[in-house]
């Protein structure tokens, strides 16, 4: 049976098939989050980085000098994305001790000193290797993770730092070292 109804039906089916096929290829992108703007009084990334590095050194200085062989800090760190489009600067300082057997007791000394100072929330965490570490959380979600280095670095205490979330200046991208 042929006629206007059949041709119309066939055309409609063909149009629906084409639209369905094309609709499956459509890319729907969520709207981009608004670019954050720095509010008056909000610290710059340079100020935040300097403060975080200063705190890393203060934490490192909690280890008695007679136990310490040397310390090493990263000059540059990297950025981690925050939920609001801002970025957190992250860095690291290592404290190398003369004796690997002193690493865990030194981490405990750091924990006690941070608790006594009362500058933030101090908590204990256990890593996958069963080593106890310390987390120090300060206002504005600034954090420090302190603990024994990996087995490949047995005399080290790692101090990983994460700044508060800030707006990056023009020309600095999230993947850049800073």
N, C-alpha and C. Protein backbone atom coordinates (compact mmCIF):
# COMPACT_ATOMS: atom_id res chain seq x y z
N UNK A 1 0.86 -1.16 0.00
CA UNK A 1 0.00 0.00 0.00
C UNK A 1 0.90 1.22 0.00
N UNK A 2 0.68 2.07 -0.94
CA UNK A 2 1.43 3.31 -1.02
C UNK A 2 0.45 4.44 -1.08
N UNK A 3 0.90 5.56 -0.70
CA UNK A 3 0.04 6.73 -0.73
C UNK A 3 0.60 7.79 0.19
N UNK A 4 -0.11 8.91 0.33
CA UNK A 4 0.38 10.01 1.13
C UNK A 4 0.59 9.62 2.59
N UNK A 5 -0.29 8.77 3.14
CA UNK A 5 -0.16 8.39 4.55
C UNK A 5 1.10 7.55 4.77
N UNK A 6 1.35 6.62 3.88
CA UNK A 6 2.52 5.77 4.02
C UNK A 6 3.80 6.57 3.85
N UNK A 7 3.84 7.45 2.86
CA UNK A 7 5.03 8.28 2.65
C UNK A 7 5.26 9.21 3.83
N UNK A 8 4.17 9.74 4.40
CA UNK A 8 4.28 10.62 5.55
C UNK A 8 4.80 9.85 6.77
N UNK A 9 4.30 8.62 6.95
CA UNK A 9 4.74 7.79 8.06
C UNK A 9 6.21 7.43 7.92
N UNK A 10 6.62 7.04 6.73
CA UNK A 10 8.01 6.67 6.48
C UNK A 10 8.92 7.87 6.69
N UNK A 11 8.49 9.05 6.28
CA UNK A 11 9.27 10.27 6.47
C UNK A 11 9.42 10.61 7.95
N UNK A 12 8.33 10.41 8.69
CA UNK A 12 8.37 10.70 10.12
C UNK A 12 9.32 9.74 10.84
N UNK A 13 9.24 8.45 10.52
CA UNK A 13 10.11 7.46 11.13
C UNK A 13 11.57 7.77 10.80
N UNK A 14 11.81 8.13 9.55
CA UNK A 14 13.18 8.47 9.13
C UNK A 14 13.68 9.70 9.88
N UNK A 15 12.84 10.72 10.03
CA UNK A 15 13.23 11.94 10.74
C UNK A 15 13.53 11.64 12.21
N UNK A 16 12.69 10.80 12.83
CA UNK A 16 12.92 10.44 14.24
C UNK A 16 14.23 9.68 14.38
N UNK A 17 14.52 8.76 13.46
CA UNK A 17 15.76 7.99 13.51
C UNK A 17 16.98 8.91 13.38
N UNK A 18 16.91 9.86 12.46
CA UNK A 18 18.03 10.79 12.27
C UNK A 18 18.21 11.66 13.51
N UNK A 19 17.12 12.19 14.07
CA UNK A 19 17.22 13.02 15.26
C UNK A 19 17.76 12.24 16.46
N UNK A 20 17.32 10.99 16.60
CA UNK A 20 17.81 10.15 17.69
C UNK A 20 19.30 9.89 17.54
N UNK A 21 19.72 9.59 16.33
CA UNK A 21 21.15 9.33 16.10
C UNK A 21 21.97 10.57 16.36
N UNK A 22 21.51 11.71 15.89
CA UNK A 22 22.25 12.95 16.11
C UNK A 22 22.21 13.38 17.57
N UNK A 23 21.10 13.14 18.22
CA UNK A 23 20.98 13.52 19.63
C UNK A 23 21.95 12.76 20.51
N UNK A 24 22.24 11.52 20.14
CA UNK A 24 23.21 10.74 20.89
C UNK A 24 24.62 11.27 20.74
N UNK A 25 24.88 12.04 19.71
CA UNK A 25 26.21 12.59 19.47
C UNK A 25 26.37 13.98 20.07
N UNK A 26 25.28 14.54 20.53
CA UNK A 26 25.34 15.90 21.05
C UNK A 26 26.17 15.92 22.33
N UNK A 27 27.01 16.92 22.45
CA UNK A 27 27.83 17.09 23.64
C UNK A 27 27.21 18.20 24.48
N UNK A 28 26.81 17.83 25.65
CA UNK A 28 26.22 18.81 26.55
C UNK A 28 27.25 19.10 27.62
N UNK A 29 27.73 20.32 27.64
CA UNK A 29 28.73 20.71 28.62
C UNK A 29 28.08 21.52 29.72
N UNK A 30 28.43 21.20 30.95
CA UNK A 30 27.88 22.00 32.05
C UNK A 30 28.44 23.42 31.95
N UNK A 31 27.71 24.36 32.49
CA UNK A 31 28.22 25.73 32.45
C UNK A 31 29.53 25.84 33.22
N UNK A 32 30.42 26.65 32.73
CA UNK A 32 31.70 26.87 33.41
C UNK A 32 31.45 27.61 34.71
N UNK A 33 32.17 27.22 35.78
CA UNK A 33 32.00 27.96 37.03
C UNK A 33 32.51 29.38 36.83
N UNK A 34 31.93 30.30 37.54
CA UNK A 34 32.40 31.68 37.39
C UNK A 34 33.85 31.79 37.85
N UNK A 35 34.60 32.64 37.20
CA UNK A 35 35.98 32.87 37.58
C UNK A 35 35.98 33.60 38.92
N UNK A 36 36.67 33.04 39.92
CA UNK A 36 36.67 33.71 41.22
C UNK A 36 37.42 35.04 41.16
N UNK A 37 36.97 35.95 41.95
CA UNK A 37 37.67 37.24 42.05
C UNK A 37 38.14 37.41 43.49
N UNK A 38 39.27 38.02 43.61
CA UNK A 38 39.86 38.25 44.93
C UNK A 38 39.06 39.31 45.67
N UNK A 39 38.70 39.01 46.89
CA UNK A 39 37.95 39.96 47.70
C UNK A 39 38.92 40.84 48.47
N UNK A 40 38.50 42.05 48.80
CA UNK A 40 39.39 42.93 49.57
C UNK A 40 39.82 42.25 50.87
N UNK A 41 41.10 42.33 51.17
CA UNK A 41 41.63 41.72 52.39
C UNK A 41 42.04 40.27 52.23
N UNK A 42 41.65 39.63 51.13
CA UNK A 42 42.05 38.24 50.91
C UNK A 42 43.53 38.21 50.55
N UNK A 43 44.30 37.31 51.17
CA UNK A 43 45.74 37.28 50.89
C UNK A 43 46.03 36.85 49.45
N UNK A 44 47.18 37.28 48.96
CA UNK A 44 47.62 36.86 47.63
C UNK A 44 48.24 35.47 47.73
N UNK A 45 48.43 34.85 46.59
CA UNK A 45 49.06 33.53 46.59
C UNK A 45 50.49 33.62 47.12
N UNK A 46 51.19 34.71 46.83
CA UNK A 46 52.56 34.88 47.34
C UNK A 46 52.56 34.97 48.86
N UNK A 47 51.60 35.69 49.43
CA UNK A 47 51.51 35.81 50.89
C UNK A 47 51.17 34.47 51.53
N UNK A 48 50.24 33.75 50.91
CA UNK A 48 49.83 32.45 51.44
C UNK A 48 50.99 31.46 51.37
N UNK A 49 51.69 31.43 50.24
CA UNK A 49 52.83 30.52 50.09
C UNK A 49 53.90 30.82 51.14
N UNK A 50 54.22 32.09 51.33
CA UNK A 50 55.25 32.47 52.32
C UNK A 50 54.83 32.03 53.72
N UNK A 51 53.55 32.22 54.06
CA UNK A 51 53.06 31.82 55.37
C UNK A 51 53.11 30.31 55.58
N UNK A 52 52.73 29.57 54.56
CA UNK A 52 52.75 28.11 54.65
C UNK A 52 54.19 27.60 54.80
N UNK A 53 55.11 28.16 54.02
CA UNK A 53 56.51 27.73 54.14
C UNK A 53 57.09 28.09 55.51
N UNK A 54 56.70 29.24 56.03
CA UNK A 54 57.15 29.63 57.37
C UNK A 54 56.65 28.61 58.41
N UNK A 55 55.39 28.21 58.29
CA UNK A 55 54.81 27.24 59.23
C UNK A 55 55.49 25.88 59.08
N UNK A 56 55.81 25.47 57.85
CA UNK A 56 56.54 24.21 57.65
C UNK A 56 57.84 24.22 58.46
N UNK A 57 58.56 25.34 58.38
CA UNK A 57 59.84 25.45 59.10
C UNK A 57 59.63 25.48 60.61
N UNK A 58 58.54 26.11 61.06
CA UNK A 58 58.24 26.11 62.49
C UNK A 58 57.97 24.69 62.98
N UNK A 59 57.25 23.92 62.17
CA UNK A 59 56.99 22.53 62.54
C UNK A 59 58.29 21.73 62.55
N UNK A 60 59.12 21.93 61.53
CA UNK A 60 60.42 21.23 61.47
C UNK A 60 61.28 21.56 62.68
N UNK A 61 61.20 22.80 63.14
CA UNK A 61 62.00 23.23 64.29
C UNK A 61 61.54 22.60 65.61
N UNK A 62 60.40 21.92 65.61
CA UNK A 62 59.93 21.25 66.82
C UNK A 62 60.73 19.98 67.11
N UNK A 63 61.45 19.49 66.11
CA UNK A 63 62.31 18.32 66.31
C UNK A 63 63.60 18.80 66.97
N UNK A 64 64.01 18.18 68.08
CA UNK A 64 65.25 18.61 68.75
C UNK A 64 66.44 18.62 67.78
N UNK A 65 67.21 19.68 67.83
CA UNK A 65 68.32 19.89 66.89
C UNK A 65 69.32 18.74 66.91
N UNK A 66 69.53 18.13 68.07
CA UNK A 66 70.53 17.06 68.14
C UNK A 66 70.11 15.81 67.36
N UNK A 67 68.81 15.69 67.02
CA UNK A 67 68.33 14.55 66.23
C UNK A 67 68.43 14.80 64.73
N UNK A 68 68.51 16.08 64.34
CA UNK A 68 68.38 16.47 62.94
C UNK A 68 69.72 16.45 62.22
N UNK A 69 69.74 15.76 61.09
CA UNK A 69 70.90 15.77 60.20
C UNK A 69 70.82 17.00 59.28
N UNK A 70 69.64 17.18 58.66
CA UNK A 70 69.43 18.33 57.76
C UNK A 70 67.94 18.46 57.46
N UNK A 71 67.56 19.61 56.92
CA UNK A 71 66.20 19.81 56.43
C UNK A 71 66.28 20.25 54.98
N UNK A 72 65.22 20.00 54.27
CA UNK A 72 65.13 20.40 52.86
C UNK A 72 63.70 20.81 52.57
N UNK A 73 63.52 21.91 51.85
CA UNK A 73 62.19 22.38 51.49
C UNK A 73 62.11 22.60 49.99
N UNK A 74 60.93 22.42 49.46
CA UNK A 74 60.71 22.75 48.05
C UNK A 74 60.63 24.27 47.91
N UNK A 75 61.34 24.81 46.92
CA UNK A 75 61.21 26.24 46.63
C UNK A 75 59.89 26.52 45.93
N UNK A 76 59.47 25.58 45.10
CA UNK A 76 58.22 25.73 44.37
C UNK A 76 57.30 24.58 44.73
N UNK A 77 56.02 24.88 44.71
CA UNK A 77 55.02 23.86 44.94
C UNK A 77 54.08 23.83 43.76
N UNK A 78 52.93 23.25 43.96
CA UNK A 78 51.93 23.18 42.90
C UNK A 78 50.57 23.54 43.49
N UNK A 79 49.57 23.52 42.64
CA UNK A 79 48.23 23.93 43.06
C UNK A 79 47.27 22.75 43.03
N UNK A 80 46.35 22.74 43.97
CA UNK A 80 45.23 21.81 43.98
C UNK A 80 43.95 22.64 43.87
N UNK A 81 43.01 22.15 43.08
CA UNK A 81 41.77 22.89 42.88
C UNK A 81 40.88 22.80 44.12
N UNK A 82 40.26 23.90 44.44
CA UNK A 82 39.26 23.96 45.50
C UNK A 82 37.88 23.96 44.84
N UNK A 83 36.86 23.72 45.61
CA UNK A 83 35.51 23.60 45.07
C UNK A 83 34.99 24.90 44.46
N UNK A 84 35.48 26.03 44.89
CA UNK A 84 34.91 27.30 44.44
C UNK A 84 35.70 27.95 43.31
N UNK A 85 36.59 27.20 42.66
CA UNK A 85 37.38 27.77 41.57
C UNK A 85 38.69 28.37 42.03
N UNK A 86 38.88 28.46 43.33
CA UNK A 86 40.15 28.95 43.86
C UNK A 86 41.15 27.79 43.87
N UNK A 87 42.38 28.07 44.28
CA UNK A 87 43.43 27.06 44.28
C UNK A 87 44.13 27.04 45.64
N UNK A 88 44.57 25.86 46.04
CA UNK A 88 45.36 25.69 47.26
C UNK A 88 46.80 25.42 46.84
N UNK A 89 47.74 26.18 47.42
CA UNK A 89 49.16 25.93 47.14
C UNK A 89 49.61 24.79 48.03
N UNK A 90 50.38 23.86 47.49
CA UNK A 90 50.88 22.74 48.27
C UNK A 90 52.39 22.61 48.12
N UNK A 91 53.05 22.34 49.24
CA UNK A 91 54.50 22.21 49.25
C UNK A 91 54.93 21.11 50.21
N UNK A 92 56.24 20.99 50.39
CA UNK A 92 56.75 19.94 51.28
C UNK A 92 58.09 20.37 51.85
N UNK A 93 58.30 19.96 53.11
CA UNK A 93 59.59 20.07 53.78
C UNK A 93 59.93 18.70 54.33
N UNK A 94 61.19 18.32 54.22
CA UNK A 94 61.69 17.06 54.78
C UNK A 94 62.61 17.39 55.94
N UNK A 95 62.49 16.63 57.01
CA UNK A 95 63.43 16.71 58.12
C UNK A 95 64.13 15.35 58.17
N UNK A 96 65.43 15.36 57.90
CA UNK A 96 66.20 14.12 57.92
C UNK A 96 66.90 13.98 59.27
N UNK A 97 66.71 12.83 59.90
CA UNK A 97 67.31 12.58 61.20
C UNK A 97 68.57 11.73 61.04
N UNK A 98 69.42 11.77 62.05
CA UNK A 98 70.63 10.95 62.04
C UNK A 98 70.28 9.46 62.11
N UNK A 99 69.20 9.14 62.81
CA UNK A 99 68.87 7.75 63.11
C UNK A 99 67.42 7.48 62.73
N UNK A 100 67.19 6.49 61.86
CA UNK A 100 65.83 6.14 61.43
C UNK A 100 64.95 5.72 62.60
N UNK A 101 65.55 5.16 63.65
CA UNK A 101 64.76 4.72 64.81
C UNK A 101 64.16 5.90 65.58
N UNK A 102 64.62 7.10 65.32
CA UNK A 102 64.10 8.28 66.02
C UNK A 102 62.95 8.96 65.27
N UNK A 103 62.63 8.48 64.05
CA UNK A 103 61.60 9.15 63.25
C UNK A 103 60.23 9.10 63.94
N UNK A 104 59.77 7.93 64.33
CA UNK A 104 58.44 7.83 64.94
C UNK A 104 58.36 8.59 66.28
N UNK A 105 59.37 8.46 67.16
CA UNK A 105 59.33 9.27 68.38
C UNK A 105 59.34 10.78 68.08
N UNK A 106 60.07 11.20 67.05
CA UNK A 106 60.11 12.62 66.71
C UNK A 106 58.75 13.10 66.20
N UNK A 107 58.06 12.27 65.43
CA UNK A 107 56.71 12.64 64.97
C UNK A 107 55.79 12.80 66.18
N UNK A 108 55.93 11.93 67.16
CA UNK A 108 55.13 12.04 68.39
C UNK A 108 55.49 13.32 69.16
N UNK A 109 56.77 13.69 69.18
CA UNK A 109 57.17 14.96 69.83
C UNK A 109 56.50 16.14 69.13
N UNK A 110 56.47 16.10 67.81
CA UNK A 110 55.82 17.17 67.04
C UNK A 110 54.34 17.24 67.41
N UNK A 111 53.69 16.08 67.48
CA UNK A 111 52.26 16.05 67.81
C UNK A 111 52.01 16.68 69.17
N UNK A 112 52.79 16.29 70.16
CA UNK A 112 52.60 16.83 71.52
C UNK A 112 52.82 18.34 71.53
N UNK A 113 53.85 18.81 70.85
CA UNK A 113 54.14 20.25 70.82
C UNK A 113 53.01 21.02 70.14
N UNK A 114 52.44 20.46 69.07
CA UNK A 114 51.34 21.13 68.38
C UNK A 114 50.09 21.18 69.26
N UNK A 115 49.83 20.10 69.99
CA UNK A 115 48.68 20.08 70.91
C UNK A 115 48.87 21.13 71.99
N UNK A 116 50.07 21.19 72.57
CA UNK A 116 50.36 22.17 73.63
C UNK A 116 50.23 23.60 73.11
N UNK A 117 50.65 23.84 71.88
CA UNK A 117 50.57 25.20 71.31
C UNK A 117 49.12 25.62 71.10
N UNK A 118 48.25 24.67 70.80
CA UNK A 118 46.83 24.98 70.66
C UNK A 118 46.48 25.89 69.49
N UNK A 119 47.30 25.91 68.45
CA UNK A 119 47.05 26.80 67.32
C UNK A 119 46.00 26.29 66.34
N UNK A 120 45.67 25.03 66.41
CA UNK A 120 44.72 24.46 65.46
C UNK A 120 44.24 23.11 65.97
N UNK A 121 43.56 22.38 65.10
CA UNK A 121 43.07 21.06 65.44
C UNK A 121 44.14 20.04 65.06
N UNK A 122 44.56 19.24 66.02
CA UNK A 122 45.58 18.23 65.80
C UNK A 122 44.91 16.86 65.88
N UNK A 123 45.12 16.06 64.85
CA UNK A 123 44.55 14.71 64.87
C UNK A 123 45.62 13.72 64.43
N UNK A 124 45.37 12.46 64.77
CA UNK A 124 46.29 11.38 64.43
C UNK A 124 45.66 10.59 63.30
N UNK A 125 46.49 10.21 62.34
CA UNK A 125 46.02 9.36 61.25
C UNK A 125 47.01 8.22 61.09
N UNK A 126 46.54 7.13 60.54
CA UNK A 126 47.41 5.98 60.27
C UNK A 126 47.43 5.75 58.77
N UNK A 127 48.63 5.67 58.19
CA UNK A 127 48.73 5.48 56.75
C UNK A 127 48.64 4.00 56.38
N UNK A 128 48.72 3.71 55.10
CA UNK A 128 48.57 2.34 54.61
C UNK A 128 49.65 1.40 55.15
N UNK A 129 50.81 1.94 55.48
CA UNK A 129 51.90 1.12 56.03
C UNK A 129 51.76 0.91 57.54
N UNK A 130 50.74 1.53 58.15
CA UNK A 130 50.54 1.40 59.58
C UNK A 130 51.26 2.45 60.40
N UNK A 131 51.92 3.39 59.73
CA UNK A 131 52.62 4.45 60.45
C UNK A 131 51.64 5.53 60.89
N UNK A 132 51.85 6.00 62.11
CA UNK A 132 51.01 7.08 62.63
C UNK A 132 51.58 8.41 62.19
N UNK A 133 50.70 9.24 61.72
CA UNK A 133 51.07 10.59 61.34
C UNK A 133 50.18 11.58 62.04
N UNK A 134 50.46 12.84 61.82
CA UNK A 134 49.74 13.92 62.48
C UNK A 134 49.17 14.84 61.41
N UNK A 135 47.94 15.28 61.62
CA UNK A 135 47.34 16.29 60.76
C UNK A 135 47.08 17.52 61.62
N UNK A 136 47.57 18.66 61.16
CA UNK A 136 47.30 19.94 61.81
C UNK A 136 46.42 20.73 60.87
N UNK A 137 45.23 21.11 61.34
CA UNK A 137 44.31 21.91 60.55
C UNK A 137 44.15 23.27 61.22
N UNK A 138 44.42 24.31 60.46
CA UNK A 138 44.32 25.68 60.94
C UNK A 138 43.11 26.36 60.33
N UNK A 139 42.76 27.55 60.80
CA UNK A 139 41.63 28.27 60.20
C UNK A 139 41.80 28.40 58.68
N UNK A 140 40.70 28.55 57.99
CA UNK A 140 40.65 28.69 56.53
C UNK A 140 41.13 27.41 55.84
N UNK A 141 41.01 26.26 56.52
CA UNK A 141 41.36 24.95 55.96
C UNK A 141 42.82 24.80 55.56
N UNK A 142 43.70 25.56 56.15
CA UNK A 142 45.14 25.35 55.94
C UNK A 142 45.50 24.06 56.68
N UNK A 143 46.23 23.15 56.00
CA UNK A 143 46.53 21.85 56.61
C UNK A 143 47.99 21.46 56.43
N UNK A 144 48.46 20.67 57.40
CA UNK A 144 49.81 20.12 57.38
C UNK A 144 49.71 18.65 57.75
N UNK A 145 50.29 17.80 56.92
CA UNK A 145 50.35 16.36 57.19
C UNK A 145 51.79 16.03 57.54
N UNK A 146 52.00 15.52 58.73
CA UNK A 146 53.34 15.26 59.24
C UNK A 146 53.45 13.78 59.53
N UNK A 147 54.51 13.15 59.03
CA UNK A 147 54.66 11.73 59.30
C UNK A 147 55.96 11.18 58.76
N UNK A 148 56.22 9.90 59.08
CA UNK A 148 57.43 9.26 58.57
C UNK A 148 57.41 9.21 57.05
N UNK A 149 58.59 9.35 56.46
CA UNK A 149 58.71 9.20 55.02
C UNK A 149 58.51 7.74 54.64
N UNK A 150 58.54 7.44 53.34
CA UNK A 150 58.37 6.06 52.90
C UNK A 150 59.59 5.21 53.24
N UNK A 151 59.47 3.91 53.06
CA UNK A 151 60.59 3.00 53.34
C UNK A 151 61.84 3.38 52.57
N UNK A 152 61.67 3.98 51.40
CA UNK A 152 62.82 4.39 50.60
C UNK A 152 63.53 5.61 51.18
N UNK A 153 62.92 6.22 52.17
CA UNK A 153 63.47 7.44 52.80
C UNK A 153 63.36 7.28 54.32
N UNK A 154 64.03 6.28 54.92
CA UNK A 154 63.77 5.87 56.30
C UNK A 154 64.14 6.88 57.38
N UNK A 155 65.00 7.84 57.09
CA UNK A 155 65.37 8.81 58.13
C UNK A 155 64.58 10.10 58.01
N UNK A 156 63.59 10.14 57.12
CA UNK A 156 62.88 11.39 56.84
C UNK A 156 61.54 11.49 57.56
N UNK A 157 61.24 12.70 57.96
CA UNK A 157 59.89 13.10 58.37
C UNK A 157 59.40 14.03 57.27
N UNK A 158 58.24 13.73 56.73
CA UNK A 158 57.66 14.57 55.68
C UNK A 158 56.67 15.53 56.30
N UNK A 159 56.73 16.77 55.87
CA UNK A 159 55.74 17.78 56.26
C UNK A 159 55.12 18.29 54.97
N UNK A 160 53.94 17.80 54.66
CA UNK A 160 53.21 18.23 53.46
C UNK A 160 52.26 19.34 53.86
N UNK A 161 52.23 20.39 53.05
CA UNK A 161 51.42 21.56 53.40
C UNK A 161 50.39 21.86 52.32
N UNK A 162 49.27 22.40 52.76
CA UNK A 162 48.17 22.77 51.87
C UNK A 162 47.61 24.10 52.36
N UNK A 163 47.74 25.13 51.53
CA UNK A 163 47.31 26.47 51.94
C UNK A 163 45.79 26.60 51.89
N UNK A 164 45.33 27.70 52.41
CA UNK A 164 43.93 28.06 52.22
C UNK A 164 43.71 28.28 50.73
N UNK A 165 42.48 28.27 50.29
CA UNK A 165 42.16 28.45 48.88
C UNK A 165 42.16 29.94 48.53
N UNK A 166 42.86 30.27 47.46
CA UNK A 166 42.99 31.66 47.03
C UNK A 166 42.82 31.76 45.52
N UNK A 167 42.66 33.00 45.05
CA UNK A 167 42.55 33.27 43.62
C UNK A 167 43.96 33.40 43.05
N UNK A 168 44.21 32.71 41.95
CA UNK A 168 45.51 32.83 41.30
C UNK A 168 45.60 34.16 40.55
N UNK A 169 46.78 34.77 40.55
CA UNK A 169 46.94 36.01 39.80
C UNK A 169 46.93 35.73 38.30
N UNK A 170 46.69 36.75 37.51
CA UNK A 170 46.72 36.62 36.07
C UNK A 170 48.05 36.07 35.61
N UNK A 171 48.01 35.18 34.63
CA UNK A 171 49.24 34.61 34.10
C UNK A 171 49.70 33.36 34.83
N UNK A 172 49.11 33.03 35.98
CA UNK A 172 49.47 31.82 36.71
C UNK A 172 48.32 30.83 36.53
N UNK A 173 48.66 29.65 36.03
CA UNK A 173 47.65 28.63 35.75
C UNK A 173 47.71 27.52 36.80
N UNK A 174 46.59 26.81 37.01
CA UNK A 174 46.57 25.76 38.03
C UNK A 174 47.65 24.70 37.87
N UNK A 175 48.09 24.39 36.68
CA UNK A 175 49.11 23.36 36.48
C UNK A 175 50.54 23.86 36.65
N UNK A 176 50.71 25.15 36.86
CA UNK A 176 52.05 25.72 36.97
C UNK A 176 52.70 25.38 38.31
N UNK A 177 54.02 25.36 38.30
CA UNK A 177 54.77 25.33 39.56
C UNK A 177 54.85 26.76 40.05
N UNK A 178 54.82 26.92 41.36
CA UNK A 178 54.86 28.28 41.92
C UNK A 178 55.55 28.26 43.25
